[in-house]
Amino acid sequence: SPLTLKEYKILHSLMKNTERVYTREQLLLMVWDIHSTTDIR
């Protein structure tokens, strides 16, 4: 399955540390480099 860059970065973040739970805020910061609770959707 082809991935967009954002999809790749999400999976890379999650698969790199399997079993670890990442909050939406952490993923927003790691993937988008944005730190804001209003954008977690």
PDB file of all heavy atoms in Angstrom:
ATOM      1  N   SER A   1       0.843  -1.190   0.000  1.00  0.00           N
ATOM      2  CA  SER A   1       0.000   0.000   0.000  1.00  0.00           C
ATOM      3  C   SER A   1       0.883   1.245   0.000  1.00  0.00           C
ATOM      4  O   SER A   1       1.745   1.401   0.875  1.00  0.00           O
ATOM      5  CB  SER A   1      -0.907   0.014   1.234  1.00  0.00           C
ATOM      6  OG  SER A   1      -1.692   1.199   1.261  1.00  0.00           O
ATOM      7  N   PRO A   2       0.700   2.147  -0.971  1.00  0.00           N
ATOM      8  CA  PRO A   2       1.467   3.400  -0.971  1.00  0.00           C
ATOM      9  C   PRO A   2       1.009   4.303   0.166  1.00  0.00           C
ATOM     10  O   PRO A   2      -0.157   4.277   0.568  1.00  0.00           O
ATOM     11  CB  PRO A   2       1.133   4.012  -2.336  1.00  0.00           C
ATOM     12  CG  PRO A   2      -0.208   3.454  -2.680  1.00  0.00           C
ATOM     13  CD  PRO A   2      -0.247   2.073  -2.105  1.00  0.00           C
ATOM     14  N   LEU A   3       1.927   5.111   0.670  1.00  0.00           N
ATOM     15  CA  LEU A   3       1.640   6.005   1.780  1.00  0.00           C
ATOM     16  C   LEU A   3       2.002   7.436   1.412  1.00  0.00           C
ATOM     17  O   LEU A   3       2.942   7.686   0.652  1.00  0.00           O
ATOM     18  CB  LEU A   3       2.446   5.600   3.022  1.00  0.00           C
ATOM     19  CG  LEU A   3       2.273   4.186   3.558  1.00  0.00           C
ATOM     20  CD1 LEU A   3       3.316   3.920   4.634  1.00  0.00           C
ATOM     21  CD2 LEU A   3       0.861   3.976   4.096  1.00  0.00           C
ATOM     22  N   THR A   4       1.256   8.382   1.961  1.00  0.00           N
ATOM     23  CA  THR A   4       1.685   9.776   1.888  1.00  0.00           C
ATOM     24  C   THR A   4       2.801   9.973   2.916  1.00  0.00           C
ATOM     25  O   THR A   4       3.035   9.120   3.783  1.00  0.00           O
ATOM     26  CB  THR A   4       0.538  10.737   2.199  1.00  0.00           C
ATOM     27  OG1 THR A   4       0.158  10.588   3.579  1.00  0.00           O
ATOM     28  CG2 THR A   4      -0.671  10.462   1.313  1.00  0.00           C
ATOM     29  N   LEU A   5       3.481  11.100   2.846  1.00  0.00           N
ATOM     30  CA  LEU A   5       4.556  11.363   3.800  1.00  0.00           C
ATOM     31  C   LEU A   5       4.019  11.406   5.228  1.00  0.00           C
ATOM     32  O   LEU A   5       4.637  10.869   6.152  1.00  0.00           O
ATOM     33  CB  LEU A   5       5.249  12.685   3.460  1.00  0.00           C
ATOM     34  CG  LEU A   5       6.418  13.077   4.371  1.00  0.00           C
ATOM     35  CD1 LEU A   5       7.504  12.010   4.367  1.00  0.00           C
ATOM     36  CD2 LEU A   5       6.981  14.428   3.961  1.00  0.00           C
ATOM     37  N   LYS A   6       2.855  12.024   5.435  1.00  0.00           N
ATOM     38  CA  LYS A   6       2.273  12.093   6.769  1.00  0.00           C
ATOM     39  C   LYS A   6       1.894  10.700   7.272  1.00  0.00           C
ATOM     40  O   LYS A   6       2.129  10.363   8.429  1.00  0.00           O
ATOM     41  CB  LYS A   6       1.050  13.004   6.754  1.00  0.00           C
ATOM     42  CG  LYS A   6       1.395  14.486   6.778  1.00  0.00           C
ATOM     43  CD  LYS A   6       1.967  14.875   8.130  1.00  0.00           C
ATOM     44  CE  LYS A   6       2.311  16.355   8.170  1.00  0.00           C
ATOM     45  NZ  LYS A   6       3.462  16.710   7.353  1.00  0.00           N
ATOM     46  N   GLU A   7       1.313   9.868   6.421  1.00  0.00           N
ATOM     47  CA  GLU A   7       0.952   8.511   6.816  1.00  0.00           C
ATOM     48  C   GLU A   7       2.196   7.707   7.175  1.00  0.00           C
ATOM     49  O   GLU A   7       2.206   6.954   8.151  1.00  0.00           O
ATOM     50  CB  GLU A   7       0.171   7.827   5.692  1.00  0.00           C
ATOM     51  CG  GLU A   7      -1.217   8.404   5.483  1.00  0.00           C
ATOM     52  CD  GLU A   7      -1.866   7.946   4.199  1.00  0.00           C
ATOM     53  OE1 GLU A   7      -1.159   7.382   3.332  1.00  0.00           O
ATOM     54  OE2 GLU A   7      -3.083   8.159   4.054  1.00  0.00           O
ATOM     55  N   TYR A   8       3.236   7.889   6.377  1.00  0.00           N
ATOM     56  CA  TYR A   8       4.488   7.204   6.676  1.00  0.00           C
ATOM     57  C   TYR A   8       5.031   7.624   8.039  1.00  0.00           C
ATOM     58  O   TYR A   8       5.456   6.784   8.849  1.00  0.00           O
ATOM     59  CB  TYR A   8       5.531   7.503   5.594  1.00  0.00           C
ATOM     60  CG  TYR A   8       6.900   7.000   5.967  1.00  0.00           C
ATOM     61  CD1 TYR A   8       7.243   5.669   5.789  1.00  0.00           C
ATOM     62  CD2 TYR A   8       7.824   7.853   6.564  1.00  0.00           C
ATOM     63  CE1 TYR A   8       8.485   5.198   6.173  1.00  0.00           C
ATOM     64  CE2 TYR A   8       9.069   7.391   6.949  1.00  0.00           C
ATOM     65  CZ  TYR A   8       9.395   6.062   6.755  1.00  0.00           C
ATOM     66  OH  TYR A   8      10.607   5.594   7.150  1.00  0.00           O
ATOM     67  N   LYS A   9       5.013   8.919   8.307  1.00  0.00           N
ATOM     68  CA  LYS A   9       5.563   9.421   9.562  1.00  0.00           C
ATOM     69  C   LYS A   9       4.743   8.951  10.765  1.00  0.00           C
ATOM     70  O   LYS A   9       5.304   8.660  11.827  1.00  0.00           O
ATOM     71  CB  LYS A   9       5.642  10.953   9.509  1.00  0.00           C
ATOM     72  CG  LYS A   9       6.700  11.446   8.530  1.00  0.00           C
ATOM     73  CD  LYS A   9       6.558  12.924   8.215  1.00  0.00           C
ATOM     74  CE  LYS A   9       7.077  13.789   9.308  1.00  0.00           C
ATOM     75  NZ  LYS A   9       7.102  15.232   8.892  1.00  0.00           N
ATOM     76  N   ILE A  10       3.433   8.875  10.610  1.00  0.00           N
ATOM     77  CA  ILE A  10       2.588   8.350  11.694  1.00  0.00           C
ATOM     78  C   ILE A  10       2.956   6.897  11.991  1.00  0.00           C
ATOM     79  O   ILE A  10       3.184   6.517  13.144  1.00  0.00           O
ATOM     80  CB  ILE A  10       1.093   8.465  11.326  1.00  0.00           C
ATOM     81  CG1 ILE A  10       0.644   9.931  11.363  1.00  0.00           C
ATOM     82  CG2 ILE A  10       0.238   7.651  12.299  1.00  0.00           C
ATOM     83  CD1 ILE A  10      -0.748  10.150  10.796  1.00  0.00           C
ATOM     84  N   LEU A  11       3.007   6.070  10.945  1.00  0.00           N
ATOM     85  CA  LEU A  11       3.323   4.660  11.142  1.00  0.00           C
ATOM     86  C   LEU A  11       4.750   4.477  11.658  1.00  0.00           C
ATOM     87  O   LEU A  11       5.009   3.612  12.498  1.00  0.00           O
ATOM     88  CB  LEU A  11       3.129   3.885   9.840  1.00  0.00           C
ATOM     89  CG  LEU A  11       1.678   3.657   9.419  1.00  0.00           C
ATOM     90  CD1 LEU A  11       1.623   2.960   8.066  1.00  0.00           C
ATOM     91  CD2 LEU A  11       0.932   2.827  10.462  1.00  0.00           C
ATOM     92  N   HIS A  12       5.665   5.280  11.159  1.00  0.00           N
ATOM     93  CA  HIS A  12       7.044   5.181  11.622  1.00  0.00           C
ATOM     94  C   HIS A  12       7.129   5.471  13.121  1.00  0.00           C
ATOM     95  O   HIS A  12       7.828   4.772  13.869  1.00  0.00           O
ATOM     96  CB  HIS A  12       7.936   6.140  10.840  1.00  0.00           C
ATOM     97  CG  HIS A  12       9.397   5.942  11.079  1.00  0.00           C
ATOM     98  ND1 HIS A  12      10.058   6.479  12.162  1.00  0.00           N
ATOM     99  CD2 HIS A  12      10.330   5.233  10.386  1.00  0.00           C
ATOM    100  CE1 HIS A  12      11.325   6.141  12.117  1.00  0.00           C
ATOM    101  NE2 HIS A  12      11.516   5.380  11.055  1.00  0.00           N
ATOM    102  N   SER A  13       6.419   6.490  13.560  1.00  0.00           N
ATOM    103  CA  SER A  13       6.427   6.853  14.982  1.00  0.00           C
ATOM    104  C   SER A  13       5.859   5.722  15.836  1.00  0.00           C
ATOM    105  O   SER A  13       6.405   5.386  16.893  1.00  0.00           O
ATOM    106  CB  SER A  13       5.622   8.133  15.209  1.00  0.00           C
ATOM    107  OG  SER A  13       6.184   9.221  14.509  1.00  0.00           O
ATOM    108  N   LEU A  14       4.743   5.122  15.385  1.00  0.00           N
ATOM    109  CA  LEU A  14       4.085   4.077  16.166  1.00  0.00           C
ATOM    110  C   LEU A  14       4.837   2.744  16.101  1.00  0.00           C
ATOM    111  O   LEU A  14       5.003   2.067  17.121  1.00  0.00           O
ATOM    112  CB  LEU A  14       2.654   3.884  15.670  1.00  0.00           C
ATOM    113  CG  LEU A  14       1.701   5.074  15.870  1.00  0.00           C
ATOM    114  CD1 LEU A  14       0.375   4.796  15.179  1.00  0.00           C
ATOM    115  CD2 LEU A  14       1.477   5.354  17.349  1.00  0.00           C
ATOM    116  N   MET A  15       5.289   2.356  14.905  1.00  0.00           N
ATOM    117  CA  MET A  15       5.941   1.053  14.741  1.00  0.00           C
ATOM    118  C   MET A  15       7.354   1.028  15.300  1.00  0.00           C
ATOM    119  O   MET A  15       7.882  -0.040  15.620  1.00  0.00           O
ATOM    120  CB  MET A  15       5.940   0.660  13.264  1.00  0.00           C
ATOM    121  CG  MET A  15       4.551   0.405  12.695  1.00  0.00           C
ATOM    122  SD  MET A  15       4.534   0.089  10.911  1.00  0.00           S
ATOM    123  CE  MET A  15       5.362  -1.510  10.839  1.00  0.00           C
ATOM    124  N   LYS A  16       7.966   2.189  15.412  1.00  0.00           N
ATOM    125  CA  LYS A  16       9.325   2.247  15.961  1.00  0.00           C
ATOM    126  C   LYS A  16       9.330   1.790  17.422  1.00  0.00           C
ATOM    127  O   LYS A  16      10.291   1.178  17.880  1.00  0.00           O
ATOM    128  CB  LYS A  16       9.857   3.677  15.848  1.00  0.00           C
ATOM    129  CG  LYS A  16      11.293   3.852  16.316  1.00  0.00           C
ATOM    130  CD  LYS A  16      11.809   5.236  15.951  1.00  0.00           C
ATOM    131  CE  LYS A  16      10.973   6.317  16.607  1.00  0.00           C
ATOM    132  NZ  LYS A  16      11.528   7.673  16.356  1.00  0.00           N
ATOM    133  N   ASN A  17       8.267   2.113  18.146  1.00  0.00           N
ATOM    134  CA  ASN A  17       8.150   1.715  19.550  1.00  0.00           C
ATOM    135  C   ASN A  17       6.818   0.989  19.744  1.00  0.00           C
ATOM    136  O   ASN A  17       5.838   1.570  20.216  1.00  0.00           O
ATOM    137  CB  ASN A  17       8.226   2.937  20.466  1.00  0.00           C
ATOM    138  CG  ASN A  17       9.586   3.610  20.416  1.00  0.00           C
ATOM    139  OD1 ASN A  17      10.586   3.034  20.809  1.00  0.00           O
ATOM    140  ND2 ASN A  17       9.620   4.825  19.903  1.00  0.00           N
ATOM    141  N   THR A  18       6.785  -0.269  19.327  1.00  0.00           N
ATOM    142  CA  THR A  18       5.548  -1.037  19.424  1.00  0.00           C
ATOM    143  C   THR A  18       5.122  -1.177  20.883  1.00  0.00           C
ATOM    144  O   THR A  18       5.961  -1.194  21.792  1.00  0.00           O
ATOM    145  CB  THR A  18       5.722  -2.427  18.809  1.00  0.00           C
ATOM    146  OG1 THR A  18       6.805  -3.095  19.457  1.00  0.00           O
ATOM    147  CG2 THR A  18       5.992  -2.336  17.322  1.00  0.00           C
ATOM    148  N   GLU A  19       3.825  -1.260  21.073  1.00  0.00           N
ATOM    149  CA  GLU A  19       3.182  -1.395  22.379  1.00  0.00           C
ATOM    150  C   GLU A  19       3.120  -0.067  23.146  1.00  0.00           C
ATOM    151  O   GLU A  19       2.324   0.075  24.064  1.00  0.00           O
ATOM    152  CB  GLU A  19       3.851  -2.460  23.256  1.00  0.00           C
ATOM    153  CG  GLU A  19       3.964  -3.831  22.599  1.00  0.00           C
ATOM    154  CD  GLU A  19       2.619  -4.459  22.291  1.00  0.00           C
ATOM    155  OE1 GLU A  19       1.670  -4.256  23.043  1.00  0.00           O
ATOM    156  OE2 GLU A  19       2.529  -5.162  21.262  1.00  0.00           O
ATOM    157  N   ARG A  20       3.949   0.897  22.776  1.00  0.00           N
ATOM    158  CA  ARG A  20       3.892   2.187  23.473  1.00  0.00           C
ATOM    159  C   ARG A  20       2.666   2.958  23.002  1.00  0.00           C
ATOM    160  O   ARG A  20       2.367   3.003  21.800  1.00  0.00           O
ATOM    161  CB  ARG A  20       5.146   3.008  23.211  1.00  0.00           C
ATOM    162  CG  ARG A  20       5.080   4.408  23.820  1.00  0.00           C
ATOM    163  CD  ARG A  20       6.339   5.195  23.606  1.00  0.00           C
ATOM    164  NE  ARG A  20       6.172   6.573  24.049  1.00  0.00           N
ATOM    165  CZ  ARG A  20       7.139   7.496  24.017  1.00  0.00           C
ATOM    166  NH1 ARG A  20       8.340   7.180  23.577  1.00  0.00           N
ATOM    167  NH2 ARG A  20       6.887   8.728  24.422  1.00  0.00           N
ATOM    168  N   VAL A  21       1.971   3.582  23.930  1.00  0.00           N
ATOM    169  CA  VAL A  21       0.810   4.405  23.592  1.00  0.00           C
ATOM    170  C   VAL A  21       1.267   5.851  23.430  1.00  0.00           C
ATOM    171  O   VAL A  21       1.895   6.417  24.333  1.00  0.00           O
ATOM    172  CB  VAL A  21      -0.273   4.315  24.682  1.00  0.00           C
ATOM    173  CG1 VAL A  21      -1.446   5.228  24.333  1.00  0.00           C
ATOM    174  CG2 VAL A  21      -0.747   2.877  24.847  1.00  0.00           C
ATOM    175  N   TYR A  22       0.960   6.423  22.264  1.00  0.00           N
ATOM    176  CA  TYR A  22       1.269   7.825  22.013  1.00  0.00           C
ATOM    177  C   TYR A  22      -0.021   8.638  22.093  1.00  0.00           C
ATOM    178  O   TYR A  22      -1.036   8.267  21.499  1.00  0.00           O
ATOM    179  CB  TYR A  22       1.884   8.012  20.623  1.00  0.00           C
ATOM    180  CG  TYR A  22       3.319   7.546  20.534  1.00  0.00           C
ATOM    181  CD1 TYR A  22       3.620   6.250  20.151  1.00  0.00           C
ATOM    182  CD2 TYR A  22       4.369   8.409  20.841  1.00  0.00           C
ATOM    183  CE1 TYR A  22       4.935   5.817  20.070  1.00  0.00           C
ATOM    184  CE2 TYR A  22       5.682   7.987  20.759  1.00  0.00           C
ATOM    185  CZ  TYR A  22       5.967   6.688  20.380  1.00  0.00           C
ATOM    186  OH  TYR A  22       7.267   6.276  20.300  1.00  0.00           O
ATOM    187  N   THR A  23       0.032   9.746  22.795  1.00  0.00           N
ATOM    188  CA  THR A  23      -1.130  10.624  22.847  1.00  0.00           C
ATOM    189  C   THR A  23      -1.260  11.364  21.529  1.00  0.00           C
ATOM    190  O   THR A  23      -0.303  11.457  20.739  1.00  0.00           O
ATOM    191  CB  THR A  23      -1.005  11.651  23.986  1.00  0.00           C
ATOM    192  OG1 THR A  23       0.075  12.567  23.680  1.00  0.00           O
ATOM    193  CG2 THR A  23      -0.735  10.971  25.320  1.00  0.00           C
ATOM    194  N   ARG A  24      -2.436  11.898  21.283  1.00  0.00           N
ATOM    195  CA  ARG A  24      -2.649  12.688  20.074  1.00  0.00           C
ATOM    196  C   ARG A  24      -1.715  13.896  20.056  1.00  0.00           C
ATOM    197  O   ARG A  24      -1.209  14.294  19.008  1.00  0.00           O
ATOM    198  CB  ARG A  24      -4.114  13.142  19.996  1.00  0.00           C
ATOM    199  CG  ARG A  24      -5.089  11.994  19.759  1.00  0.00           C
ATOM    200  CD  ARG A  24      -6.526  12.438  19.965  1.00  0.00           C
ATOM    201  NE  ARG A  24      -7.478  11.400  19.612  1.00  0.00           N
ATOM    202  CZ  ARG A  24      -7.827  10.410  20.432  1.00  0.00           C
ATOM    203  NH1 ARG A  24      -7.270  10.332  21.640  1.00  0.00           N
ATOM    204  NH2 ARG A  24      -8.704   9.511  20.048  1.00  0.00           N
ATOM    205  N   GLU A  25      -1.511  14.502  21.209  1.00  0.00           N
ATOM    206  CA  GLU A  25      -0.635  15.667  21.300  1.00  0.00           C
ATOM    207  C   GLU A  25       0.812  15.301  20.930  1.00  0.00           C
ATOM    208  O   GLU A  25       1.501  16.064  20.247  1.00  0.00           O
ATOM    209  CB  GLU A  25      -0.676  16.271  22.710  1.00  0.00           C
ATOM    210  CG  GLU A  25      -1.983  16.951  23.070  1.00  0.00           C
ATOM    211  CD  GLU A  25      -3.057  15.967  23.548  1.00  0.00           C
ATOM    212  OE1 GLU A  25      -2.787  14.736  23.553  1.00  0.00           O
ATOM    213  OE2 GLU A  25      -4.149  16.430  23.906  1.00  0.00           O
ATOM    214  N   GLN A  26       1.255  14.120  21.354  1.00  0.00           N
ATOM    215  CA  GLN A  26       2.607  13.680  21.014  1.00  0.00           C
ATOM    216  C   GLN A  26       2.755  13.442  19.514  1.00  0.00           C
ATOM    217  O   GLN A  26       3.762  13.837  18.910  1.00  0.00           O
ATOM    218  CB  GLN A  26       2.952  12.400  21.789  1.00  0.00           C
ATOM    219  CG  GLN A  26       3.202  12.620  23.272  1.00  0.00           C
ATOM    220  CD  GLN A  26       3.341  11.323  24.038  1.00  0.00           C
ATOM    221  OE1 GLN A  26       2.698  10.319  23.717  1.00  0.00           O
ATOM    222  NE2 GLN A  26       4.189  11.318  25.050  1.00  0.00           N
ATOM    223  N   LEU A  27       1.756  12.797  18.909  1.00  0.00           N
ATOM    224  CA  LEU A  27       1.810  12.564  17.467  1.00  0.00           C
ATOM    225  C   LEU A  27       1.745  13.870  16.688  1.00  0.00           C
ATOM    226  O   LEU A  27       2.432  14.029  15.665  1.00  0.00           O
ATOM    227  CB  LEU A  27       0.666  11.639  17.043  1.00  0.00           C
ATOM    228  CG  LEU A  27       0.811  10.176  17.470  1.00  0.00           C
ATOM    229  CD1 LEU A  27      -0.476   9.409  17.187  1.00  0.00           C
ATOM    230  CD2 LEU A  27       1.989   9.516  16.760  1.00  0.00           C
ATOM    231  N   LEU A  28       0.942  14.800  17.163  1.00  0.00           N
ATOM    232  CA  LEU A  28       0.847  16.100  16.501  1.00  0.00           C
ATOM    233  C   LEU A  28       2.203  16.792  16.493  1.00  0.00           C
ATOM    234  O   LEU A  28       2.609  17.391  15.487  1.00  0.00           O
ATOM    235  CB  LEU A  28      -0.193  16.969  17.213  1.00  0.00           C
ATOM    236  CG  LEU A  28      -0.673  18.227  16.498  1.00  0.00           C
ATOM    237  CD1 LEU A  28      -1.443  17.862  15.238  1.00  0.00           C
ATOM    238  CD2 LEU A  28      -1.544  19.062  17.416  1.00  0.00           C
ATOM    239  N   LEU A  29       2.910  16.692  17.596  1.00  0.00           N
ATOM    240  CA  LEU A  29       4.217  17.331  17.698  1.00  0.00           C
ATOM    241  C   LEU A  29       5.264  16.592  16.856  1.00  0.00           C
ATOM    242  O   LEU A  29       6.070  17.217  16.154  1.00  0.00           O
ATOM    243  CB  LEU A  29       4.658  17.370  19.163  1.00  0.00           C
ATOM    244  CG  LEU A  29       5.947  18.137  19.471  1.00  0.00           C
ATOM    245  CD1 LEU A  29       5.822  19.595  19.040  1.00  0.00           C
ATOM    246  CD2 LEU A  29       6.281  18.054  20.943  1.00  0.00           C
ATOM    247  N   MET A  30       5.249  15.243  16.888  1.00  0.00           N
ATOM    248  CA  MET A  30       6.251  14.467  16.158  1.00  0.00           C
ATOM    249  C   MET A  30       6.061  14.527  14.651  1.00  0.00           C
ATOM    250  O   MET A  30       7.028  14.622  13.894  1.00  0.00           O
ATOM    251  CB  MET A  30       6.214  13.003  16.614  1.00  0.00           C
ATOM    252  CG  MET A  30       6.744  12.775  18.012  1.00  0.00           C
ATOM    253  SD  MET A  30       6.919  11.002  18.407  1.00  0.00           S
ATOM    254  CE  MET A  30       5.208  10.478  18.367  1.00  0.00           C
ATOM    255  N   VAL A  31       4.805  14.469  14.207  1.00  0.00           N
ATOM    256  CA  VAL A  31       4.527  14.362  12.777  1.00  0.00           C
ATOM    257  C   VAL A  31       4.347  15.723  12.125  1.00  0.00           C
ATOM    258  O   VAL A  31       4.829  15.972  11.021  1.00  0.00           O
ATOM    259  CB  VAL A  31       3.285  13.481  12.539  1.00  0.00           C
ATOM    260  CG1 VAL A  31       2.929  13.430  11.065  1.00  0.00           C
ATOM    261  CG2 VAL A  31       3.523  12.070  13.076  1.00  0.00           C
ATOM    262  N   TRP A  32       3.650  16.639  12.808  1.00  0.00           N
ATOM    263  CA  TRP A  32       3.366  17.957  12.229  1.00  0.00           C
ATOM    264  C   TRP A  32       4.237  19.067  12.800  1.00  0.00           C
ATOM    265  O   TRP A  32       4.213  20.176  12.303  1.00  0.00           O
ATOM    266  CB  TRP A  32       1.899  18.326  12.445  1.00  0.00           C
ATOM    267  CG  TRP A  32       0.953  17.649  11.515  1.00  0.00           C
ATOM    268  CD1 TRP A  32       0.491  18.131  10.317  1.00  0.00           C
ATOM    269  CD2 TRP A  32       0.335  16.367  11.687  1.00  0.00           C
ATOM    270  NE1 TRP A  32      -0.362  17.223   9.745  1.00  0.00           N
ATOM    271  CE2 TRP A  32      -0.488  16.130  10.557  1.00  0.00           C
ATOM    272  CE3 TRP A  32       0.386  15.395  12.691  1.00  0.00           C
ATOM    273  CZ2 TRP A  32      -1.238  14.970  10.412  1.00  0.00           C
ATOM    274  CZ3 TRP A  32      -0.360  14.240  12.547  1.00  0.00           C
ATOM    275  CH2 TRP A  32      -1.156  14.035  11.422  1.00  0.00           C
ATOM    276  N   ASP A  33       4.957  18.770  13.867  1.00  0.00           N
ATOM    277  CA  ASP A  33       5.758  19.773  14.567  1.00  0.00           C
ATOM    278  C   ASP A  33       4.887  20.934  15.054  1.00  0.00           C
ATOM    279  O   ASP A  33       5.267  22.092  14.989  1.00  0.00           O
ATOM    280  CB  ASP A  33       6.880  20.308  13.670  1.00  0.00           C
ATOM    281  CG  ASP A  33       7.947  21.037  14.472  1.00  0.00           C
ATOM    282  OD1 ASP A  33       8.054  20.771  15.683  1.00  0.00           O
ATOM    283  OD2 ASP A  33       8.648  21.885  13.903  1.00  0.00           O
ATOM    284  N   ILE A  34       3.666  20.588  15.489  1.00  0.00           N
ATOM    285  CA  ILE A  34       2.730  21.576  16.010  1.00  0.00           C
ATOM    286  C   ILE A  34       2.343  21.156  17.420  1.00  0.00           C
ATOM    287  O   ILE A  34       2.039  19.992  17.659  1.00  0.00           O
ATOM    288  CB  ILE A  34       1.463  21.674  15.136  1.00  0.00           C
ATOM    289  CG1 ILE A  34       1.827  22.116  13.721  1.00  0.00           C
ATOM    290  CG2 ILE A  34       0.440  22.630  15.744  1.00  0.00           C
ATOM    291  CD1 ILE A  34       0.674  22.014  12.750  1.00  0.00           C
ATOM    292  N   HIS A  35       2.365  22.085  18.334  1.00  0.00           N
ATOM    293  CA  HIS A  35       1.992  21.776  19.718  1.00  0.00           C
ATOM    294  C   HIS A  35       0.758  22.603  20.076  1.00  0.00           C
ATOM    295  O   HIS A  35       0.858  23.760  20.459  1.00  0.00           O
ATOM    296  CB  HIS A  35       3.134  22.097  20.668  1.00  0.00           C
ATOM    297  CG  HIS A  35       2.858  21.694  22.087  1.00  0.00           C
ATOM    298  ND1 HIS A  35       2.631  20.391  22.448  1.00  0.00           N
ATOM    299  CD2 HIS A  35       2.765  22.425  23.222  1.00  0.00           C
ATOM    300  CE1 HIS A  35       2.424  20.324  23.748  1.00  0.00           C
ATOM    301  NE2 HIS A  35       2.484  21.550  24.241  1.00  0.00           N
ATOM    302  N   SER A  36      -0.427  22.002  19.895  1.00  0.00           N
ATOM    303  CA  SER A  36      -1.674  22.730  20.165  1.00  0.00           C
ATOM    304  C   SER A  36      -2.804  21.741  20.367  1.00  0.00           C
ATOM    305  O   SER A  36      -3.054  20.893  19.526  1.00  0.00           O
ATOM    306  CB  SER A  36      -2.011  23.668  18.999  1.00  0.00           C
ATOM    307  OG  SER A  36      -3.285  24.233  19.170  1.00  0.00           O
ATOM    308  N   THR A  37      -3.483  21.840  21.497  1.00  0.00           N
ATOM    309  CA  THR A  37      -4.582  20.924  21.786  1.00  0.00           C
ATOM    310  C   THR A  37      -5.766  21.155  20.861  1.00  0.00           C
ATOM    311  O   THR A  37      -6.610  20.278  20.690  1.00  0.00           O
ATOM    312  CB  THR A  37      -5.047  21.068  23.242  1.00  0.00           C
ATOM    313  OG1 THR A  37      -5.412  22.442  23.488  1.00  0.00           O
ATOM    314  CG2 THR A  37      -3.940  20.665  24.203  1.00  0.00           C
ATOM    315  N   THR A  38      -5.851  22.340  20.241  1.00  0.00           N
ATOM    316  CA  THR A  38      -6.996  22.625  19.379  1.00  0.00           C
ATOM    317  C   THR A  38      -6.898  21.919  18.040  1.00  0.00           C
ATOM    318  O   THR A  38      -7.880  21.850  17.310  1.00  0.00           O
ATOM    319  CB  THR A  38      -7.114  24.146  19.122  1.00  0.00           C
ATOM    320  OG1 THR A  38      -5.903  24.609  18.502  1.00  0.00           O
ATOM    321  CG2 THR A  38      -7.347  24.894  20.422  1.00  0.00           C
ATOM    322  N   ASP A  39      -5.721  21.358  17.701  1.00  0.00           N
ATOM    323  CA  ASP A  39      -5.522  20.748  16.389  1.00  0.00           C
ATOM    324  C   ASP A  39      -5.473  19.220  16.446  1.00  0.00           C
ATOM    325  O   ASP A  39      -5.163  18.588  15.442  1.00  0.00           O
ATOM    326  CB  ASP A  39      -4.221  21.253  15.750  1.00  0.00           C
ATOM    327  CG  ASP A  39      -4.275  22.732  15.422  1.00  0.00           C
ATOM    328  OD1 ASP A  39      -5.369  23.244  15.158  1.00  0.00           O
ATOM    329  OD2 ASP A  39      -3.207  23.353  15.442  1.00  0.00           O
ATOM    330  N   ILE A  40      -5.768  18.622  17.602  1.00  0.00           N
ATOM    331  CA  ILE A  40      -5.594  17.172  17.718  1.00  0.00           C
ATOM    332  C   ILE A  40      -6.559  16.398  16.834  1.00  0.00           C
ATOM    333  O   ILE A  40      -6.322  15.234  16.533  1.00  0.00           O
ATOM    334  CB  ILE A  40      -5.711  16.701  19.184  1.00  0.00           C
ATOM    335  CG1 ILE A  40      -7.093  17.045  19.756  1.00  0.00           C
ATOM    336  CG2 ILE A  40      -4.594  17.286  20.028  1.00  0.00           C
ATOM    337  CD1 ILE A  40      -7.310  16.473  21.147  1.00  0.00           C
ATOM    338  N   ARG A  41      -7.660  17.028  16.388  1.00  0.00           N
ATOM    339  CA  ARG A  41      -8.594  16.317  15.521  1.00  0.00           C
ATOM    340  C   ARG A  41      -7.961  15.916  14.203  1.00  0.00           C
ATOM    341  O   ARG A  41      -8.399  14.968  13.550  1.00  0.00           O
ATOM    342  CB  ARG A  41      -9.841  17.177  15.273  1.00  0.00           C
ATOM    343  CG  ARG A  41     -10.800  17.211  16.449  1.00  0.00           C
ATOM    344  CD  ARG A  41     -11.990  18.093  16.150  1.00  0.00           C
ATOM    345  NE  ARG A  41     -11.600  19.494  16.056  1.00  0.00           N
ATOM    346  CZ  ARG A  41     -12.423  20.476  15.668  1.00  0.00           C
ATOM    347  NH1 ARG A  41     -13.665  20.181  15.310  1.00  0.00           N
ATOM    348  NH2 ARG A  41     -12.010  21.721  15.625  1.00  0.00           N
TER     349      ARG A  41
END
